[in-house]
Amino acid sequence: MKYPKSWKNHSDQLDLLMERGLIVTDRVRALDYLERIGYYRLSGYWFAFRERSQPACLLEKYGHKPKKVRVDRIALDNFLPHSTFQNAVDLYVFDKQLRLLVLDALERIEIALRAEVAHKLGELDPFAYLKPELFYKGFSVELNKKTGVTEHHEWLSKHARLIGRSKEEFIRHNRYKYGLPLPIWVASEVWDFGALSTLFSGMHEADQDAIATRYGVSNGRVFATWLRSLNYLRNVCAHHSRLWNRNIVDQPQLPSAEDLEWLAPFVSNEHKRARCFLLLKIAKHVLAVVNPRSSWPQRVQEHLMAFPDLSHLGLNLESMGAPVNWVESWQK
């Protein structure tokens, strides 16, 4: 299939945006942003400024049969009145700083939970991560119909790659002095958040519960989905992707609001469960155990209060899934 769009230089890109109604007050500065950040990355931020169509039904082909698909609102090429290039840049900078704050919290959470999982499993066996019997059968015995191997086998393959490519001196020392395999309290130091969350999801329920309870979550299976969602959040931030109004694909399960009162605004609201404010709250909740004296909650609150003034475009923190009374909700 021939790609229909032609290459455009930065000046032509800016002219196209202006033709579509985006206000540019400083052409030189706008061109500088296009050169340094890129049209496509910035387009994720001015996408929210584009006009929308009325709800409609479209015919799309699924196999050989056309099927009606309802589309609520389609983004049009033209921008809403009073949309400016600087609005998009301000939103981009806000989002960048938000991602850096999130990574700060997730680093502490990842390190703390790696230590907890390694300590819990290490009590059972120094090489527990190699022992299928120490994990539930759906993880360690049942074969994936697509791959033909267990999830545990796939995890071990990833673990071996992490060990193999590690340049850490402590890995070299342990391999030279004691050989392989490495005990779990050493091996866990090379796990990334994905390896951590996957192994936790495969643990026996009693072992999951023992760790989750420390974080105020009685159900370890629910806590496993929290870790998976935080790993998703970490990947979004680490790859410099747009976060502020992103639809969260890997959503966490939620315990009852009776167990955790602050969950009440999210339990029955699909939009709020699909936005990042919920994951910020989960990170805050976990961090309160990991590092109760951390200034992170206050720093995040201050940053959210500095959200760009985009009220003329109908945009605010509700696009992130924040409740109307978000400050009160954040402090719970």
C-alpha atoms as a PDB file:
ATOM      1  CA  MET A   1       0.000   0.000   0.000  1.00  0.00           C
ATOM      2  CA  LYS A   2       1.330   3.385  -0.968  1.00  0.00           C
ATOM      3  CA  TYR A   3       1.681   5.800   1.967  1.00  0.00           C
ATOM      4  CA  PRO A   4      -0.496   8.836   1.137  1.00  0.00           C
ATOM      5  CA  LYS A   5       1.334  11.565   3.098  1.00  0.00           C
ATOM      6  CA  SER A   6       4.383  13.347   1.737  1.00  0.00           C
ATOM      7  CA  TRP A   7       7.417  14.568   3.664  1.00  0.00           C
ATOM      8  CA  LYS A   8       7.250  18.215   4.789  1.00  0.00           C
ATOM      9  CA  ASN A   9       9.978  20.459   6.124  1.00  0.00           C
ATOM     10  CA  HIS A  10       9.427  22.188   9.468  1.00  0.00           C
ATOM     11  CA  SER A  11       8.265  25.435   7.901  1.00  0.00           C
ATOM     12  CA  ASP A  12       5.657  23.619   5.819  1.00  0.00           C
ATOM     13  CA  GLN A  13       4.522  21.670   8.875  1.00  0.00           C
ATOM     14  CA  LEU A  14       3.961  24.916  10.749  1.00  0.00           C
ATOM     15  CA  ASP A  15       2.111  26.469   7.799  1.00  0.00           C
ATOM     16  CA  LEU A  16      -0.209  23.451   7.716  1.00  0.00           C
ATOM     17  CA  LEU A  17      -0.990  23.826  11.424  1.00  0.00           C
ATOM     18  CA  MET A  18      -1.745  27.513  10.959  1.00  0.00           C
ATOM     19  CA  GLU A  19      -3.992  26.779   7.982  1.00  0.00           C
ATOM     20  CA  ARG A  20      -5.968  24.464  10.239  1.00  0.00           C
ATOM     21  CA  GLY A  21      -6.450  27.195  12.843  1.00  0.00           C
ATOM     22  CA  LEU A  22      -3.625  26.694  15.333  1.00  0.00           C
ATOM     23  CA  ILE A  23      -2.474  30.126  16.490  1.00  0.00           C
ATOM     24  CA  VAL A  24       1.280  30.746  16.314  1.00  0.00           C
ATOM     25  CA  THR A  25       2.500  33.990  17.897  1.00  0.00           C
ATOM     26  CA  ASP A  26       6.231  33.346  17.613  1.00  0.00           C
ATOM     27  CA  ARG A  27       7.155  31.548  14.397  1.00  0.00           C
ATOM     28  CA  VAL A  28      10.881  31.242  15.163  1.00  0.00           C
ATOM     29  CA  ARG A  29      10.213  29.687  18.553  1.00  0.00           C
ATOM     30  CA  ALA A  30       7.579  27.330  17.151  1.00  0.00           C
ATOM     31  CA  LEU A  31       9.993  26.124  14.451  1.00  0.00           C
ATOM     32  CA  ASP A  32      12.606  25.501  17.129  1.00  0.00           C
ATOM     33  CA  TYR A  33      10.179  23.272  19.043  1.00  0.00           C
ATOM     34  CA  LEU A  34       9.287  21.354  15.879  1.00  0.00           C
ATOM     35  CA  GLU A  35      12.973  20.761  15.173  1.00  0.00           C
ATOM     36  CA  ARG A  36      13.850  19.660  18.726  1.00  0.00           C
ATOM     37  CA  ILE A  37      10.715  17.714  19.700  1.00  0.00           C
ATOM     38  CA  GLY A  38       9.180  16.728  16.381  1.00  0.00           C
ATOM     39  CA  TYR A  39       5.795  17.262  14.767  1.00  0.00           C
ATOM     40  CA  TYR A  40       4.541  13.761  15.493  1.00  0.00           C
ATOM     41  CA  ARG A  41       5.342  13.824  19.223  1.00  0.00           C
ATOM     42  CA  LEU A  42       3.769  17.250  19.681  1.00  0.00           C
ATOM     43  CA  SER A  43       0.723  16.148  17.709  1.00  0.00           C
ATOM     44  CA  GLY A  44      -0.204  13.883  20.639  1.00  0.00           C
ATOM     45  CA  TYR A  45      -0.700  17.036  22.711  1.00  0.00           C
ATOM     46  CA  TRP A  46      -2.515  19.278  20.222  1.00  0.00           C
ATOM     47  CA  PHE A  47      -4.755  16.324  19.290  1.00  0.00           C
ATOM     48  CA  ALA A  48      -6.947  17.323  22.254  1.00  0.00           C
ATOM     49  CA  PHE A  49      -7.390  20.778  20.656  1.00  0.00           C
ATOM     50  CA  ARG A  50      -8.886  19.481  17.409  1.00  0.00           C
ATOM     51  CA  GLU A  51     -12.548  19.893  16.569  1.00  0.00           C
ATOM     52  CA  ARG A  52     -14.731  16.806  16.815  1.00  0.00           C
ATOM     53  CA  SER A  53     -17.515  15.516  14.600  1.00  0.00           C
ATOM     54  CA  GLN A  54     -20.982  14.615  15.804  1.00  0.00           C
ATOM     55  CA  PRO A  55     -21.567  10.980  16.851  1.00  0.00           C
ATOM     56  CA  ALA A  56     -21.955   8.674  13.880  1.00  0.00           C
ATOM     57  CA  CYS A  57     -22.067   5.072  12.720  1.00  0.00           C
ATOM     58  CA  LEU A  58     -19.468   3.786  10.277  1.00  0.00           C
ATOM     59  CA  LEU A  59     -19.378   0.644   8.184  1.00  0.00           C
ATOM     60  CA  GLU A  60     -16.192  -1.320   8.712  1.00  0.00           C
ATOM     61  CA  LYS A  61     -15.232  -4.689   7.281  1.00  0.00           C
ATOM     62  CA  TYR A  62     -14.582  -7.575   9.628  1.00  0.00           C
ATOM     63  CA  GLY A  63     -13.534 -10.444   7.382  1.00  0.00           C
ATOM     64  CA  HIS A  64     -16.061 -10.524   4.522  1.00  0.00           C
ATOM     65  CA  LYS A  65     -18.969  -9.015   6.424  1.00  0.00           C
ATOM     66  CA  PRO A  66     -19.463  -5.248   6.880  1.00  0.00           C
ATOM     67  CA  LYS A  67     -20.357  -4.295  10.422  1.00  0.00           C
ATOM     68  CA  LYS A  68     -21.758  -1.069  11.848  1.00  0.00           C
ATOM     69  CA  VAL A  69     -19.436   0.491  14.375  1.00  0.00           C
ATOM     70  CA  ARG A  70     -20.555   3.444  16.462  1.00  0.00           C
ATOM     71  CA  VAL A  71     -17.972   6.203  16.687  1.00  0.00           C
ATOM     72  CA  ASP A  72     -18.836   8.833  19.250  1.00  0.00           C
ATOM     73  CA  ARG A  73     -16.695  11.673  17.922  1.00  0.00           C
ATOM     74  CA  ILE A  74     -14.075  11.742  15.185  1.00  0.00           C
ATOM     75  CA  ALA A  75     -11.157  14.187  15.415  1.00  0.00           C
ATOM     76  CA  LEU A  76     -11.245  16.628  12.497  1.00  0.00           C
ATOM     77  CA  ASP A  77      -8.280  18.432  10.963  1.00  0.00           C
ATOM     78  CA  ASN A  78      -9.233  21.926  12.135  1.00  0.00           C
ATOM     79  CA  PHE A  79      -8.477  23.205  15.629  1.00  0.00           C
ATOM     80  CA  LEU A  80     -10.868  24.605  18.198  1.00  0.00           C
ATOM     81  CA  PRO A  81     -11.025  28.429  18.345  1.00  0.00           C
ATOM     82  CA  HIS A  82      -8.218  30.040  20.386  1.00  0.00           C
ATOM     83  CA  SER A  83      -5.978  26.943  20.252  1.00  0.00           C
ATOM     84  CA  THR A  84      -2.329  27.976  20.282  1.00  0.00           C
ATOM     85  CA  PHE A  85       0.940  26.232  19.531  1.00  0.00           C
ATOM     86  CA  GLN A  86       2.167  27.356  22.958  1.00  0.00           C
ATOM     87  CA  ASN A  87      -0.778  25.549  24.607  1.00  0.00           C
ATOM     88  CA  ALA A  88       0.544  22.282  23.143  1.00  0.00           C
ATOM     89  CA  VAL A  89       4.104  23.032  24.285  1.00  0.00           C
ATOM     90  CA  ASP A  90       2.904  23.880  27.815  1.00  0.00           C
ATOM     91  CA  LEU A  91       0.989  20.590  27.955  1.00  0.00           C
ATOM     92  CA  TYR A  92       4.038  18.710  26.660  1.00  0.00           C
ATOM     93  CA  VAL A  93       6.285  20.224  29.358  1.00  0.00           C
ATOM     94  CA  PHE A  94       3.696  19.476  32.059  1.00  0.00           C
ATOM     95  CA  ASP A  95       3.520  15.867  30.900  1.00  0.00           C
ATOM     96  CA  LYS A  96       7.301  15.499  30.776  1.00  0.00           C
ATOM     97  CA  GLN A  97       7.658  16.694  34.363  1.00  0.00           C
ATOM     98  CA  LEU A  98       4.804  14.413  35.448  1.00  0.00           C
ATOM     99  CA  ARG A  99       6.580  11.384  33.964  1.00  0.00           C
ATOM    100  CA  LEU A 100       9.800  12.260  35.802  1.00  0.00           C
ATOM    101  CA  LEU A 101       7.892  12.472  39.088  1.00  0.00           C
ATOM    102  CA  VAL A 102       6.256   9.101  38.434  1.00  0.00           C
ATOM    103  CA  LEU A 103       9.601   7.439  37.701  1.00  0.00           C
ATOM    104  CA  ASP A 104      10.956   8.790  40.980  1.00  0.00           C
ATOM    105  CA  ALA A 105       8.218   6.975  42.936  1.00  0.00           C
ATOM    106  CA  LEU A 106       8.326   3.797  40.864  1.00  0.00           C
ATOM    107  CA  GLU A 107      12.072   3.390  41.392  1.00  0.00           C
ATOM    108  CA  ARG A 108      11.566   3.240  45.155  1.00  0.00           C
ATOM    109  CA  ILE A 109       8.546   0.943  44.851  1.00  0.00           C
ATOM    110  CA  GLU A 110      10.372  -1.432  42.497  1.00  0.00           C
ATOM    111  CA  ILE A 111      13.438  -1.721  44.726  1.00  0.00           C
ATOM    112  CA  ALA A 112      11.381  -2.280  47.883  1.00  0.00           C
ATOM    113  CA  LEU A 113       9.172  -4.947  46.331  1.00  0.00           C
ATOM    114  CA  ARG A 114      12.114  -6.742  44.737  1.00  0.00           C
ATOM    115  CA  ALA A 115      13.629  -7.026  48.204  1.00  0.00           C
ATOM    116  CA  GLU A 116      10.338  -8.264  49.704  1.00  0.00           C
ATOM    117  CA  VAL A 117       9.710 -10.899  47.030  1.00  0.00           C
ATOM    118  CA  ALA A 118      13.327 -12.122  47.196  1.00  0.00           C
ATOM    119  CA  HIS A 119      13.153 -12.294  51.002  1.00  0.00           C
ATOM    120  CA  LYS A 120       9.826 -14.157  51.022  1.00  0.00           C
ATOM    121  CA  LEU A 121      10.816 -16.700  48.377  1.00  0.00           C
ATOM    122  CA  GLY A 122      14.390 -16.962  49.670  1.00  0.00           C
ATOM    123  CA  GLU A 123      13.006 -18.146  53.003  1.00  0.00           C
ATOM    124  CA  LEU A 124      11.508 -21.117  51.139  1.00  0.00           C
ATOM    125  CA  ASP A 125      14.611 -21.877  49.077  1.00  0.00           C
ATOM    126  CA  PRO A 126      17.690 -19.851  48.040  1.00  0.00           C
ATOM    127  CA  PHE A 127      16.901 -20.835  44.442  1.00  0.00           C
ATOM    128  CA  ALA A 128      13.125 -20.582  44.761  1.00  0.00           C
ATOM    129  CA  TYR A 129      12.701 -18.849  41.400  1.00  0.00           C
ATOM    130  CA  LEU A 130      13.860 -22.096  39.706  1.00  0.00           C
ATOM    131  CA  LYS A 131      11.404 -24.353  41.560  1.00  0.00           C
ATOM    132  CA  PRO A 132       8.020 -24.855  39.817  1.00  0.00           C
ATOM    133  CA  GLU A 133       6.491 -26.341  42.960  1.00  0.00           C
ATOM    134  CA  LEU A 134       6.875 -22.998  44.748  1.00  0.00           C
ATOM    135  CA  PHE A 135       4.484 -21.329  42.296  1.00  0.00           C
ATOM    136  CA  TYR A 136       0.854 -21.955  41.436  1.00  0.00           C
ATOM    137  CA  LYS A 137       0.115 -24.461  38.684  1.00  0.00           C
ATOM    138  CA  GLY A 138      -1.344 -21.972  36.221  1.00  0.00           C
ATOM    139  CA  PHE A 139       2.053 -20.272  36.185  1.00  0.00           C
ATOM    140  CA  SER A 140       4.470 -23.167  36.510  1.00  0.00           C
ATOM    141  CA  VAL A 141       2.743 -26.262  35.091  1.00  0.00           C
ATOM    142  CA  GLU A 142       0.043 -25.342  32.568  1.00  0.00           C
ATOM    143  CA  LEU A 143       1.304 -24.775  29.043  1.00  0.00           C
ATOM    144  CA  ASN A 144       0.508 -21.636  27.094  1.00  0.00           C
ATOM    145  CA  LYS A 145      -1.405 -22.817  24.017  1.00  0.00           C
ATOM    146  CA  LYS A 146       0.319 -20.243  21.806  1.00  0.00           C
ATOM    147  CA  THR A 147       3.920 -20.747  22.924  1.00  0.00           C
ATOM    148  CA  GLY A 148       3.807 -24.360  24.108  1.00  0.00           C
ATOM    149  CA  VAL A 149       5.670 -23.532  27.324  1.00  0.00           C
ATOM    150  CA  THR A 150       4.674 -22.385  30.800  1.00  0.00           C
ATOM    151  CA  GLU A 151       4.696 -18.753  31.933  1.00  0.00           C
ATOM    152  CA  HIS A 152       7.397 -19.778  34.396  1.00  0.00           C
ATOM    153  CA  HIS A 153       9.543 -21.078  31.549  1.00  0.00           C
ATOM    154  CA  GLU A 154       9.110 -17.801  29.674  1.00  0.00           C
ATOM    155  CA  TRP A 155      10.005 -15.890  32.834  1.00  0.00           C
ATOM    156  CA  LEU A 156      13.141 -17.993  33.329  1.00  0.00           C
ATOM    157  CA  SER A 157      14.225 -17.261  29.753  1.00  0.00           C
ATOM    158  CA  LYS A 158      13.903 -13.528  30.386  1.00  0.00           C
ATOM    159  CA  HIS A 159      15.684 -13.896  33.725  1.00  0.00           C
ATOM    160  CA  ALA A 160      18.584 -15.686  32.027  1.00  0.00           C
ATOM    161  CA  ARG A 161      18.905 -12.843  29.504  1.00  0.00           C
ATOM    162  CA  LEU A 162      18.954 -10.270  32.305  1.00  0.00           C
ATOM    163  CA  ILE A 163      21.717 -12.190  34.088  1.00  0.00           C
ATOM    164  CA  GLY A 164      23.652 -12.776  30.889  1.00  0.00           C
ATOM    165  CA  ARG A 165      23.784  -9.152  29.791  1.00  0.00           C
ATOM    166  CA  SER A 166      24.367  -7.663  33.247  1.00  0.00           C
ATOM    167  CA  LYS A 167      27.641  -5.749  33.666  1.00  0.00           C
ATOM    168  CA  GLU A 168      27.263  -5.391  37.431  1.00  0.00           C
ATOM    169  CA  GLU A 169      30.364  -6.244  39.455  1.00  0.00           C
ATOM    170  CA  PHE A 170      28.359  -8.166  42.074  1.00  0.00           C
ATOM    171  CA  ILE A 171      27.013 -10.483  39.350  1.00  0.00           C
ATOM    172  CA  ARG A 172      30.531 -11.111  38.016  1.00  0.00           C
ATOM    173  CA  HIS A 173      31.830 -11.723  41.555  1.00  0.00           C
ATOM    174  CA  ASN A 174      29.095 -14.222  42.460  1.00  0.00           C
ATOM    175  CA  ARG A 175      29.389 -16.081  39.157  1.00  0.00           C
ATOM    176  CA  TYR A 176      33.162 -16.361  39.543  1.00  0.00           C
ATOM    177  CA  LYS A 177      33.194 -17.332  43.225  1.00  0.00           C
ATOM    178  CA  TYR A 178      30.052 -19.455  43.564  1.00  0.00           C
ATOM    179  CA  GLY A 179      28.943 -20.191  40.006  1.00  0.00           C
ATOM    180  CA  LEU A 180      25.409 -20.382  38.680  1.00  0.00           C
ATOM    181  CA  PRO A 181      22.574 -20.354  39.571  1.00  0.00           C
ATOM    182  CA  LEU A 182      22.618 -17.224  41.702  1.00  0.00           C
ATOM    183  CA  PRO A 183      20.640 -17.159  44.962  1.00  0.00           C
ATOM    184  CA  ILE A 184      17.438 -15.174  44.675  1.00  0.00           C
ATOM    185  CA  TRP A 185      18.664 -12.277  46.856  1.00  0.00           C
ATOM    186  CA  VAL A 186      21.462 -11.712  44.321  1.00  0.00           C
ATOM    187  CA  ALA A 187      19.556 -12.570  41.143  1.00  0.00           C
ATOM    188  CA  SER A 188      16.658 -10.257  42.025  1.00  0.00           C
ATOM    189  CA  GLU A 189      18.928  -7.229  41.729  1.00  0.00           C
ATOM    190  CA  VAL A 190      18.882  -7.519  37.929  1.00  0.00           C
ATOM    191  CA  TRP A 191      15.087  -7.852  37.633  1.00  0.00           C
ATOM    192  CA  ASP A 192      13.225  -5.046  35.963  1.00  0.00           C
ATOM    193  CA  PHE A 193       9.711  -4.087  37.035  1.00  0.00           C
ATOM    194  CA  GLY A 194       8.227  -6.447  34.448  1.00  0.00           C
ATOM    195  CA  ALA A 195      10.180  -9.448  35.740  1.00  0.00           C
ATOM    196  CA  LEU A 196       9.213  -8.557  39.303  1.00  0.00           C
ATOM    197  CA  SER A 197       5.483  -8.190  38.603  1.00  0.00           C
ATOM    198  CA  THR A 198       5.352 -11.369  36.505  1.00  0.00           C
ATOM    199  CA  LEU A 199       7.047 -13.491  39.164  1.00  0.00           C
ATOM    200  CA  PHE A 200       4.817 -12.029  41.870  1.00  0.00           C
ATOM    201  CA  SER A 201       1.744 -12.935  39.807  1.00  0.00           C
ATOM    202  CA  GLY A 202       2.932 -16.559  39.769  1.00  0.00           C
ATOM    203  CA  MET A 203       3.440 -16.922  43.501  1.00  0.00           C
ATOM    204  CA  HIS A 204       1.117 -18.985  45.684  1.00  0.00           C
ATOM    205  CA  GLU A 205      -1.794 -16.972  47.022  1.00  0.00           C
ATOM    206  CA  ALA A 206      -0.676 -17.248  50.627  1.00  0.00           C
ATOM    207  CA  ASP A 207       2.741 -15.787  49.746  1.00  0.00           C
ATOM    208  CA  GLN A 208       1.131 -13.009  47.694  1.00  0.00           C
ATOM    209  CA  ASP A 209      -1.260 -12.207  50.533  1.00  0.00           C
ATOM    210  CA  ALA A 210       1.569 -12.023  53.057  1.00  0.00           C
ATOM    211  CA  ILE A 211       3.238  -9.266  51.029  1.00  0.00           C
ATOM    212  CA  ALA A 212       0.066  -7.475  49.885  1.00  0.00           C
ATOM    213  CA  THR A 213      -1.265  -7.196  53.443  1.00  0.00           C
ATOM    214  CA  ARG A 214       1.670  -4.983  54.354  1.00  0.00           C
ATOM    215  CA  TYR A 215       0.357  -2.520  51.768  1.00  0.00           C
ATOM    216  CA  GLY A 216      -3.199  -2.536  53.061  1.00  0.00           C
ATOM    217  CA  VAL A 217      -4.492  -4.892  50.355  1.00  0.00           C
ATOM    218  CA  SER A 218      -5.817  -8.173  51.758  1.00  0.00           C
ATOM    219  CA  ASN A 219      -6.052  -9.916  48.392  1.00  0.00           C
ATOM    220  CA  GLY A 220      -2.658 -10.689  46.865  1.00  0.00           C
ATOM    221  CA  ARG A 221      -4.185 -11.401  43.433  1.00  0.00           C
ATOM    222  CA  VAL A 222      -5.558  -7.863  43.384  1.00  0.00           C
ATOM    223  CA  PHE A 223      -2.171  -6.524  44.446  1.00  0.00           C
ATOM    224  CA  ALA A 224      -0.595  -8.469  41.577  1.00  0.00           C
ATOM    225  CA  THR A 225      -2.719  -6.449  39.132  1.00  0.00           C
ATOM    226  CA  TRP A 226      -1.520  -3.266  40.853  1.00  0.00           C
ATOM    227  CA  LEU A 227       2.080  -4.244  40.166  1.00  0.00           C
ATOM    228  CA  ARG A 228       1.247  -5.103  36.561  1.00  0.00           C
ATOM    229  CA  SER A 229      -0.412  -1.700  36.086  1.00  0.00           C
ATOM    230  CA  LEU A 230       2.499   0.106  37.743  1.00  0.00           C
ATOM    231  CA  ASN A 231       4.822  -1.733  35.361  1.00  0.00           C
ATOM    232  CA  TYR A 232       2.676  -0.477  32.466  1.00  0.00           C
ATOM    233  CA  LEU A 233       2.946   3.026  33.923  1.00  0.00           C
ATOM    234  CA  ARG A 234       6.701   2.646  34.251  1.00  0.00           C
ATOM    235  CA  ASN A 235       7.020   1.610  30.596  1.00  0.00           C
ATOM    236  CA  VAL A 236       4.958   4.592  29.428  1.00  0.00           C
ATOM    237  CA  CYS A 237       7.217   6.962  31.360  1.00  0.00           C
ATOM    238  CA  ALA A 238      10.501   5.239  30.486  1.00  0.00           C
ATOM    239  CA  HIS A 239       9.692   5.412  26.770  1.00  0.00           C
ATOM    240  CA  HIS A 240       8.766   9.117  27.013  1.00  0.00           C
ATOM    241  CA  SER A 241       5.198   8.468  25.891  1.00  0.00           C
ATOM    242  CA  ARG A 242       2.276  10.806  26.542  1.00  0.00           C
ATOM    243  CA  LEU A 243       0.771  10.140  29.974  1.00  0.00           C
ATOM    244  CA  TRP A 244      -1.572  12.901  31.164  1.00  0.00           C
ATOM    245  CA  ASN A 245      -4.755  11.807  29.329  1.00  0.00           C
ATOM    246  CA  ARG A 246      -3.648   8.361  28.175  1.00  0.00           C
ATOM    247  CA  ASN A 247      -6.146   5.520  28.123  1.00  0.00           C
ATOM    248  CA  ILE A 248      -4.642   2.974  30.532  1.00  0.00           C
ATOM    249  CA  VAL A 249      -4.837  -0.376  28.773  1.00  0.00           C
ATOM    250  CA  ASP A 250      -3.595  -2.512  31.668  1.00  0.00           C
ATOM    251  CA  GLN A 251      -6.037  -1.435  34.363  1.00  0.00           C
ATOM    252  CA  PRO A 252      -5.731  -2.671  37.958  1.00  0.00           C
ATOM    253  CA  GLN A 253      -8.417  -4.547  39.831  1.00  0.00           C
ATOM    254  CA  LEU A 254      -9.795  -2.626  42.770  1.00  0.00           C
ATOM    255  CA  PRO A 255     -10.733  -3.917  46.206  1.00  0.00           C
ATOM    256  CA  SER A 256     -13.915  -2.665  47.812  1.00  0.00           C
ATOM    257  CA  ALA A 257     -14.072   1.001  48.812  1.00  0.00           C
ATOM    258  CA  GLU A 258     -14.947  -0.350  52.262  1.00  0.00           C
ATOM    259  CA  ASP A 259     -11.374  -1.675  52.431  1.00  0.00           C
ATOM    260  CA  LEU A 260      -9.769   1.459  51.009  1.00  0.00           C
ATOM    261  CA  GLU A 261     -11.955   4.549  51.286  1.00  0.00           C
ATOM    262  CA  TRP A 262      -9.969   6.594  48.759  1.00  0.00           C
ATOM    263  CA  LEU A 263     -11.025   4.190  45.979  1.00  0.00           C
ATOM    264  CA  ALA A 264     -14.681   5.295  46.164  1.00  0.00           C
ATOM    265  CA  PRO A 265     -14.517   7.811  43.237  1.00  0.00           C
ATOM    266  CA  PHE A 266     -12.983   5.169  40.943  1.00  0.00           C
ATOM    267  CA  VAL A 267     -14.871   1.952  41.660  1.00  0.00           C
ATOM    268  CA  SER A 268     -17.988   2.785  39.633  1.00  0.00           C
ATOM    269  CA  ASN A 269     -16.490   5.279  37.167  1.00  0.00           C
ATOM    270  CA  GLU A 270     -15.114   3.721  33.980  1.00  0.00           C
ATOM    271  CA  HIS A 271     -13.413   6.926  32.776  1.00  0.00           C
ATOM    272  CA  LYS A 272     -11.555   7.450  36.044  1.00  0.00           C
ATOM    273  CA  ARG A 273     -10.388   3.824  36.128  1.00  0.00           C
ATOM    274  CA  ALA A 274      -8.944   4.246  32.636  1.00  0.00           C
ATOM    275  CA  ARG A 275      -6.802   7.314  33.368  1.00  0.00           C
ATOM    276  CA  CYS A 276      -3.494   7.843  35.114  1.00  0.00           C
ATOM    277  CA  PHE A 277      -4.738   9.662  38.230  1.00  0.00           C
ATOM    278  CA  LEU A 278      -5.803   6.283  39.668  1.00  0.00           C
ATOM    279  CA  LEU A 279      -2.309   4.896  39.104  1.00  0.00           C
ATOM    280  CA  LEU A 280      -0.813   7.975  40.752  1.00  0.00           C
ATOM    281  CA  LYS A 281      -3.021   7.286  43.761  1.00  0.00           C
ATOM    282  CA  ILE A 282      -1.927   3.637  43.828  1.00  0.00           C
ATOM    283  CA  ALA A 283       1.737   4.696  43.649  1.00  0.00           C
ATOM    284  CA  LYS A 284       1.114   7.148  46.497  1.00  0.00           C
ATOM    285  CA  HIS A 285      -0.589   4.420  48.555  1.00  0.00           C
ATOM    286  CA  VAL A 286       2.282   1.948  48.091  1.00  0.00           C
ATOM    287  CA  LEU A 287       4.945   4.609  48.621  1.00  0.00           C
ATOM    288  CA  ALA A 288       3.375   5.486  51.981  1.00  0.00           C
ATOM    289  CA  VAL A 289       4.560   2.056  53.166  1.00  0.00           C
ATOM    290  CA  VAL A 290       7.866   2.039  51.281  1.00  0.00           C
ATOM    291  CA  ASN A 291       8.884   5.534  52.359  1.00  0.00           C
ATOM    292  CA  PRO A 292       6.325   7.208  54.640  1.00  0.00           C
ATOM    293  CA  ARG A 293       8.435  10.372  55.000  1.00  0.00           C
ATOM    294  CA  SER A 294       8.708  10.956  51.252  1.00  0.00           C
ATOM    295  CA  SER A 295       7.859  14.419  49.942  1.00  0.00           C
ATOM    296  CA  TRP A 296       6.639  12.854  46.684  1.00  0.00           C
ATOM    297  CA  PRO A 297       2.887  13.270  47.366  1.00  0.00           C
ATOM    298  CA  GLN A 298       3.349  16.982  48.039  1.00  0.00           C
ATOM    299  CA  ARG A 299       5.519  17.436  44.954  1.00  0.00           C
ATOM    300  CA  VAL A 300       2.927  15.723  42.778  1.00  0.00           C
ATOM    301  CA  GLN A 301       0.145  17.854  44.235  1.00  0.00           C
ATOM    302  CA  GLU A 302       2.104  21.022  43.527  1.00  0.00           C
ATOM    303  CA  HIS A 303       2.757  19.877  39.986  1.00  0.00           C
ATOM    304  CA  LEU A 304      -0.904  19.045  39.336  1.00  0.00           C
ATOM    305  CA  MET A 305      -1.889  22.471  40.643  1.00  0.00           C
ATOM    306  CA  ALA A 306       0.409  23.929  37.964  1.00  0.00           C
ATOM    307  CA  PHE A 307      -1.585  22.288  35.144  1.00  0.00           C
ATOM    308  CA  PRO A 308      -1.651  24.708  32.182  1.00  0.00           C
ATOM    309  CA  ASP A 309      -4.717  26.930  31.895  1.00  0.00           C
ATOM    310  CA  LEU A 310      -6.563  25.272  29.037  1.00  0.00           C
ATOM    311  CA  SER A 311     -10.071  26.059  30.239  1.00  0.00           C
ATOM    312  CA  HIS A 312     -10.753  27.857  26.924  1.00  0.00           C
ATOM    313  CA  LEU A 313     -10.376  24.430  25.280  1.00  0.00           C
ATOM    314  CA  GLY A 314     -12.423  22.581  27.904  1.00  0.00           C
ATOM    315  CA  LEU A 315      -9.382  20.757  29.266  1.00  0.00           C
ATOM    316  CA  ASN A 316      -8.464  20.254  32.912  1.00  0.00           C
ATOM    317  CA  LEU A 317      -7.320  17.542  35.312  1.00  0.00           C
ATOM    318  CA  GLU A 318     -10.544  15.597  34.761  1.00  0.00           C
ATOM    319  CA  SER A 319      -8.928  14.449  31.504  1.00  0.00           C
ATOM    320  CA  MET A 320      -6.446  12.610  33.755  1.00  0.00           C
ATOM    321  CA  GLY A 321      -9.286  10.979  35.681  1.00  0.00           C
ATOM    322  CA  ALA A 322      -8.980  13.303  38.673  1.00  0.00           C
ATOM    323  CA  PRO A 323     -12.190  13.915  40.639  1.00  0.00           C
ATOM    324  CA  VAL A 324     -13.556  17.464  40.743  1.00  0.00           C
ATOM    325  CA  ASN A 325     -12.374  17.720  44.365  1.00  0.00           C
ATOM    326  CA  TRP A 326      -9.038  16.144  43.423  1.00  0.00           C
ATOM    327  CA  VAL A 327      -6.964  17.920  46.121  1.00  0.00           C
ATOM    328  CA  GLU A 328      -9.131  16.453  48.881  1.00  0.00           C
ATOM    329  CA  SER A 329      -9.038  13.082  47.145  1.00  0.00           C
ATOM    330  CA  TRP A 330      -5.237  13.220  46.747  1.00  0.00           C
ATOM    331  CA  GLN A 331      -4.671  13.907  50.428  1.00  0.00           C
ATOM    332  CA  LYS A 332      -6.666  10.875  51.626  1.00  0.00           C
END
